């Protein structure tokens, strides 16, 4: 059995997502890293295109391939799991200069 902490995700409207602290564009995804002793991590299609693991995950999200659960194959899910795992490892291993981290917004869900 896998005892690793799970990341719960939820979809939010894009206007609920903040501007990227690095480039000012709206972030694509916020990741709550508090289970690993970190704050919120921003995933931005503009800023993270030079990070292969993050870019692959964000490109999969943008493709819409995961949007229709009825059309997902086991291979699609396996690919998504592998890309997400690589992205998460990259985010967790980022140094202080690699990815701005911030505490969760006060009194509001973190947007995951």
N, C-alpha and C. Protein backbone atom coordinates (compact mmCIF):
# COMPACT_ATOMS: atom_id res chain seq x y z
N UNK A 1 0.85 -1.19 0.00
CA UNK A 1 0.00 0.00 0.00
C UNK A 1 0.89 1.25 0.00
N UNK A 2 0.50 2.24 -0.74
CA UNK A 2 1.26 3.48 -0.85
C UNK A 2 0.83 4.43 0.26
N UNK A 3 1.77 4.76 1.14
CA UNK A 3 1.46 5.66 2.26
C UNK A 3 1.88 7.09 1.99
N UNK A 4 2.23 7.41 0.75
CA UNK A 4 2.64 8.76 0.40
C UNK A 4 1.44 9.71 0.49
N UNK A 5 1.68 10.95 0.92
CA UNK A 5 0.58 11.93 0.95
C UNK A 5 0.02 12.15 -0.45
N UNK A 6 -1.28 12.25 -0.53
CA UNK A 6 -1.94 12.48 -1.81
C UNK A 6 -2.20 13.97 -1.97
N UNK A 7 -2.24 14.39 -3.22
CA UNK A 7 -2.59 15.78 -3.52
C UNK A 7 -4.03 15.77 -4.01
N UNK A 8 -4.89 16.46 -3.31
CA UNK A 8 -6.28 16.57 -3.75
C UNK A 8 -6.39 17.75 -4.70
N UNK A 9 -7.06 17.53 -5.81
CA UNK A 9 -7.21 18.59 -6.80
C UNK A 9 -8.68 18.93 -6.96
N UNK A 10 -8.90 20.17 -7.27
CA UNK A 10 -10.25 20.60 -7.65
C UNK A 10 -10.11 21.64 -8.74
N UNK A 11 -11.08 21.71 -9.59
CA UNK A 11 -11.08 22.68 -10.68
C UNK A 11 -11.69 23.99 -10.19
N UNK A 12 -11.10 25.08 -10.60
CA UNK A 12 -11.65 26.40 -10.28
C UNK A 12 -11.74 27.20 -11.57
N UNK A 13 -12.55 28.21 -11.56
CA UNK A 13 -12.64 29.11 -12.71
C UNK A 13 -11.34 29.90 -12.80
N UNK A 14 -10.93 30.19 -14.01
CA UNK A 14 -9.64 30.86 -14.19
C UNK A 14 -9.59 32.23 -13.52
N UNK A 15 -10.74 32.90 -13.39
CA UNK A 15 -10.71 34.22 -12.75
C UNK A 15 -10.50 34.12 -11.24
N UNK A 16 -10.55 32.90 -10.67
CA UNK A 16 -10.26 32.70 -9.26
C UNK A 16 -8.78 32.53 -9.01
N UNK A 17 -8.00 32.30 -10.07
CA UNK A 17 -6.57 32.08 -9.92
C UNK A 17 -5.84 33.42 -9.92
N UNK A 18 -4.80 33.54 -9.10
CA UNK A 18 -4.08 34.81 -9.02
C UNK A 18 -3.12 35.01 -10.18
N UNK A 19 -2.59 36.21 -10.27
CA UNK A 19 -1.54 36.49 -11.24
C UNK A 19 -0.25 35.84 -10.77
N UNK A 20 0.54 35.41 -11.71
CA UNK A 20 1.85 34.81 -11.41
C UNK A 20 2.75 35.88 -10.80
N UNK A 21 3.41 35.53 -9.72
CA UNK A 21 4.30 36.49 -9.06
C UNK A 21 5.58 36.71 -9.87
N UNK A 22 5.83 35.85 -10.88
CA UNK A 22 7.04 35.99 -11.68
C UNK A 22 6.80 36.82 -12.94
N UNK A 23 5.64 36.63 -13.61
CA UNK A 23 5.44 37.31 -14.88
C UNK A 23 4.16 38.16 -14.94
N UNK A 24 3.25 37.99 -13.99
CA UNK A 24 2.02 38.77 -13.98
C UNK A 24 0.86 38.15 -14.73
N UNK A 25 1.12 37.10 -15.52
CA UNK A 25 0.03 36.39 -16.21
C UNK A 25 -0.72 35.55 -15.17
N UNK A 26 -1.94 35.16 -15.49
CA UNK A 26 -2.70 34.32 -14.57
C UNK A 26 -2.05 32.93 -14.50
N UNK A 27 -1.87 32.40 -13.27
CA UNK A 27 -1.29 31.07 -13.14
C UNK A 27 -2.27 30.03 -13.68
N UNK A 28 -1.74 28.89 -14.07
CA UNK A 28 -2.57 27.81 -14.56
C UNK A 28 -3.05 26.93 -13.42
N UNK A 29 -2.20 26.80 -12.39
CA UNK A 29 -2.51 25.89 -11.30
C UNK A 29 -1.76 26.32 -10.05
N UNK A 30 -2.41 26.18 -8.92
CA UNK A 30 -1.76 26.35 -7.62
C UNK A 30 -1.66 24.97 -6.99
N UNK A 31 -0.54 24.70 -6.36
CA UNK A 31 -0.34 23.42 -5.70
C UNK A 31 -0.10 23.68 -4.22
N UNK A 32 -0.94 23.11 -3.38
CA UNK A 32 -0.80 23.25 -1.94
C UNK A 32 0.28 22.27 -1.47
N UNK A 33 1.41 22.80 -1.08
CA UNK A 33 2.56 21.99 -0.69
C UNK A 33 2.68 21.87 0.83
N UNK A 34 1.63 22.22 1.56
CA UNK A 34 1.71 22.24 3.02
C UNK A 34 1.97 20.86 3.61
N UNK A 35 1.58 19.81 2.94
CA UNK A 35 1.84 18.46 3.44
C UNK A 35 3.33 18.15 3.46
N UNK A 36 4.08 18.93 2.69
CA UNK A 36 5.52 18.74 2.60
C UNK A 36 6.26 19.90 3.26
N UNK A 37 5.57 20.65 4.09
CA UNK A 37 6.19 21.74 4.82
C UNK A 37 6.45 22.98 3.98
N UNK A 38 5.71 23.14 2.89
CA UNK A 38 5.87 24.30 2.01
C UNK A 38 4.51 25.00 1.90
N UNK A 39 4.47 26.13 1.24
CA UNK A 39 3.23 26.88 1.03
C UNK A 39 2.59 26.52 -0.29
N UNK A 40 2.08 27.52 -0.98
CA UNK A 40 1.49 27.32 -2.30
C UNK A 40 2.55 27.47 -3.37
N UNK A 41 2.52 26.61 -4.36
CA UNK A 41 3.41 26.73 -5.51
C UNK A 41 2.58 27.12 -6.72
N UNK A 42 3.09 28.05 -7.49
CA UNK A 42 2.42 28.48 -8.72
C UNK A 42 2.94 27.67 -9.91
N UNK A 43 2.05 27.23 -10.76
CA UNK A 43 2.44 26.65 -12.03
C UNK A 43 1.91 27.58 -13.11
N UNK A 44 2.81 28.10 -13.90
CA UNK A 44 2.49 29.12 -14.90
C UNK A 44 2.96 28.63 -16.27
N UNK A 45 2.06 28.64 -17.25
CA UNK A 45 2.43 28.18 -18.59
C UNK A 45 3.54 29.02 -19.20
N UNK A 46 3.61 30.28 -18.88
CA UNK A 46 4.66 31.15 -19.42
C UNK A 46 5.99 30.88 -18.74
N UNK A 47 6.01 30.92 -17.43
CA UNK A 47 7.27 30.82 -16.68
C UNK A 47 7.81 29.40 -16.59
N UNK A 48 6.95 28.40 -16.65
CA UNK A 48 7.40 27.03 -16.43
C UNK A 48 7.66 26.24 -17.72
N UNK A 49 7.61 26.91 -18.87
CA UNK A 49 7.89 26.20 -20.11
C UNK A 49 9.34 25.74 -20.22
N UNK A 50 10.23 26.35 -19.45
CA UNK A 50 11.64 25.93 -19.48
C UNK A 50 11.93 24.84 -18.44
N UNK A 51 10.91 24.39 -17.74
CA UNK A 51 11.04 23.29 -16.78
C UNK A 51 10.30 22.10 -17.38
N UNK A 52 11.00 21.13 -17.99
CA UNK A 52 10.35 20.06 -18.77
C UNK A 52 9.24 19.32 -18.04
N UNK A 53 9.43 18.96 -16.78
CA UNK A 53 8.40 18.20 -16.07
C UNK A 53 7.14 19.04 -15.87
N UNK A 54 7.33 20.30 -15.49
CA UNK A 54 6.17 21.20 -15.30
C UNK A 54 5.49 21.48 -16.63
N UNK A 55 6.30 21.73 -17.65
CA UNK A 55 5.74 22.04 -18.97
C UNK A 55 4.93 20.87 -19.51
N UNK A 56 5.42 19.65 -19.33
CA UNK A 56 4.69 18.47 -19.82
C UNK A 56 3.33 18.35 -19.13
N UNK A 57 3.30 18.57 -17.80
CA UNK A 57 2.04 18.50 -17.06
C UNK A 57 1.08 19.60 -17.52
N UNK A 58 1.59 20.84 -17.60
CA UNK A 58 0.74 21.96 -18.01
C UNK A 58 0.24 21.79 -19.44
N UNK A 59 1.07 21.24 -20.31
CA UNK A 59 0.63 21.00 -21.69
C UNK A 59 -0.45 19.93 -21.74
N UNK A 60 -0.34 18.91 -20.90
CA UNK A 60 -1.39 17.89 -20.84
C UNK A 60 -2.70 18.52 -20.37
N UNK A 61 -2.63 19.36 -19.34
CA UNK A 61 -3.85 20.03 -18.87
C UNK A 61 -4.47 20.89 -19.97
N UNK A 62 -3.63 21.63 -20.68
CA UNK A 62 -4.11 22.53 -21.73
C UNK A 62 -4.68 21.76 -22.91
N UNK A 63 -4.24 20.53 -23.11
CA UNK A 63 -4.72 19.75 -24.26
C UNK A 63 -6.19 19.37 -24.13
N UNK A 64 -6.72 19.37 -22.92
CA UNK A 64 -8.11 18.99 -22.70
C UNK A 64 -8.30 17.48 -22.67
N UNK A 65 -7.24 16.74 -22.80
CA UNK A 65 -7.31 15.28 -22.85
C UNK A 65 -7.91 14.69 -21.57
N UNK A 66 -7.72 15.36 -20.45
CA UNK A 66 -8.22 14.86 -19.18
C UNK A 66 -9.63 15.36 -18.86
N UNK A 67 -10.18 16.19 -19.70
CA UNK A 67 -11.46 16.84 -19.40
C UNK A 67 -12.65 15.89 -19.45
N UNK A 68 -12.61 14.89 -20.31
CA UNK A 68 -13.74 13.99 -20.47
C UNK A 68 -13.41 12.63 -19.87
N UNK A 69 -13.85 12.41 -18.65
CA UNK A 69 -13.53 11.17 -17.93
C UNK A 69 -14.04 9.94 -18.67
N UNK A 70 -15.14 10.07 -19.42
CA UNK A 70 -15.69 8.92 -20.15
C UNK A 70 -14.79 8.48 -21.30
N UNK A 71 -13.95 9.38 -21.79
CA UNK A 71 -13.08 9.07 -22.92
C UNK A 71 -11.66 8.66 -22.51
N UNK A 72 -11.35 8.76 -21.22
CA UNK A 72 -10.00 8.45 -20.76
C UNK A 72 -9.75 6.95 -20.78
N UNK A 73 -8.62 6.58 -21.30
CA UNK A 73 -8.20 5.18 -21.29
C UNK A 73 -7.26 4.96 -20.13
N UNK A 74 -6.96 3.71 -19.86
CA UNK A 74 -6.01 3.39 -18.80
C UNK A 74 -4.63 3.97 -19.15
N UNK A 75 -4.27 3.95 -20.43
CA UNK A 75 -3.00 4.51 -20.87
C UNK A 75 -2.96 6.02 -20.63
N UNK A 76 -4.08 6.70 -20.88
CA UNK A 76 -4.16 8.14 -20.61
C UNK A 76 -3.93 8.42 -19.12
N UNK A 77 -4.56 7.63 -18.27
CA UNK A 77 -4.42 7.83 -16.83
C UNK A 77 -3.00 7.53 -16.37
N UNK A 78 -2.40 6.48 -16.93
CA UNK A 78 -1.01 6.17 -16.57
C UNK A 78 -0.09 7.32 -16.97
N UNK A 79 -0.30 7.88 -18.17
CA UNK A 79 0.51 9.00 -18.63
C UNK A 79 0.32 10.20 -17.70
N UNK A 80 -0.93 10.49 -17.35
CA UNK A 80 -1.21 11.63 -16.47
C UNK A 80 -0.53 11.44 -15.12
N UNK A 81 -0.60 10.24 -14.56
CA UNK A 81 0.04 9.97 -13.26
C UNK A 81 1.54 10.18 -13.33
N UNK A 82 2.16 9.69 -14.41
CA UNK A 82 3.61 9.84 -14.56
C UNK A 82 4.01 11.31 -14.72
N UNK A 83 3.25 12.05 -15.53
CA UNK A 83 3.56 13.47 -15.72
C UNK A 83 3.36 14.26 -14.45
N UNK A 84 2.27 13.96 -13.72
CA UNK A 84 2.02 14.67 -12.47
C UNK A 84 3.11 14.36 -11.45
N UNK A 85 3.52 13.09 -11.35
CA UNK A 85 4.57 12.72 -10.39
C UNK A 85 5.87 13.46 -10.71
N UNK A 86 6.23 13.53 -11.97
CA UNK A 86 7.45 14.24 -12.36
C UNK A 86 7.35 15.73 -12.05
N UNK A 87 6.19 16.30 -12.32
CA UNK A 87 5.96 17.72 -12.02
C UNK A 87 6.05 17.97 -10.52
N UNK A 88 5.42 17.14 -9.74
CA UNK A 88 5.42 17.30 -8.29
C UNK A 88 6.84 17.19 -7.73
N UNK A 89 7.61 16.21 -8.22
CA UNK A 89 8.99 16.06 -7.77
C UNK A 89 9.80 17.31 -8.12
N UNK A 90 9.58 17.85 -9.32
CA UNK A 90 10.29 19.07 -9.72
C UNK A 90 9.94 20.24 -8.82
N UNK A 91 8.67 20.39 -8.52
CA UNK A 91 8.23 21.50 -7.66
C UNK A 91 8.80 21.33 -6.25
N UNK A 92 8.77 20.11 -5.73
CA UNK A 92 9.28 19.86 -4.38
C UNK A 92 10.78 20.08 -4.29
N UNK A 93 11.49 19.85 -5.37
CA UNK A 93 12.94 19.98 -5.34
C UNK A 93 13.41 21.39 -5.70
N UNK A 94 12.48 22.28 -6.04
CA UNK A 94 12.85 23.64 -6.43
C UNK A 94 13.47 24.37 -5.25
N UNK A 95 14.56 25.05 -5.54
CA UNK A 95 15.19 25.89 -4.53
C UNK A 95 14.38 27.16 -4.35
N UNK A 96 14.76 27.98 -3.41
CA UNK A 96 14.04 29.22 -3.15
C UNK A 96 13.94 30.12 -4.37
N UNK A 97 14.91 30.06 -5.28
CA UNK A 97 14.87 30.91 -6.46
C UNK A 97 14.13 30.25 -7.61
N UNK A 98 13.84 28.94 -7.52
CA UNK A 98 13.23 28.23 -8.63
C UNK A 98 11.74 28.44 -8.76
N UNK A 99 11.02 28.59 -7.66
CA UNK A 99 9.58 28.71 -7.72
C UNK A 99 9.11 29.50 -6.51
N UNK A 100 8.44 30.62 -6.72
CA UNK A 100 7.97 31.37 -5.57
C UNK A 100 6.93 30.57 -4.79
N UNK A 101 7.09 30.51 -3.52
CA UNK A 101 6.13 29.83 -2.66
C UNK A 101 5.53 30.87 -1.72
N UNK A 102 4.27 30.69 -1.43
CA UNK A 102 3.59 31.63 -0.56
C UNK A 102 2.63 30.86 0.33
N UNK A 103 2.25 31.44 1.42
CA UNK A 103 1.28 30.80 2.30
C UNK A 103 -0.10 30.80 1.68
N UNK A 104 -0.98 29.91 2.13
CA UNK A 104 -2.35 29.87 1.60
C UNK A 104 -3.07 31.18 1.85
N UNK A 105 -3.97 31.56 0.93
CA UNK A 105 -4.76 32.78 1.16
C UNK A 105 -5.57 32.64 2.45
N UNK A 106 -5.62 33.66 3.23
CA UNK A 106 -6.34 33.59 4.50
C UNK A 106 -7.85 33.54 4.27
N UNK A 107 -8.48 32.59 4.97
CA UNK A 107 -9.93 32.48 4.93
C UNK A 107 -10.51 31.99 3.61
N UNK A 108 -9.70 31.47 2.71
CA UNK A 108 -10.22 31.02 1.44
C UNK A 108 -9.51 29.73 1.03
N UNK A 109 -10.21 28.87 0.31
CA UNK A 109 -9.63 27.63 -0.16
C UNK A 109 -8.44 27.95 -1.05
N UNK A 110 -7.44 27.09 -1.07
CA UNK A 110 -6.20 27.35 -1.78
C UNK A 110 -6.34 27.26 -3.30
N UNK A 111 -7.44 26.80 -3.82
CA UNK A 111 -7.62 26.77 -5.27
C UNK A 111 -7.17 25.47 -5.90
N UNK A 112 -7.11 24.40 -5.15
CA UNK A 112 -6.75 23.11 -5.71
C UNK A 112 -7.96 22.26 -5.91
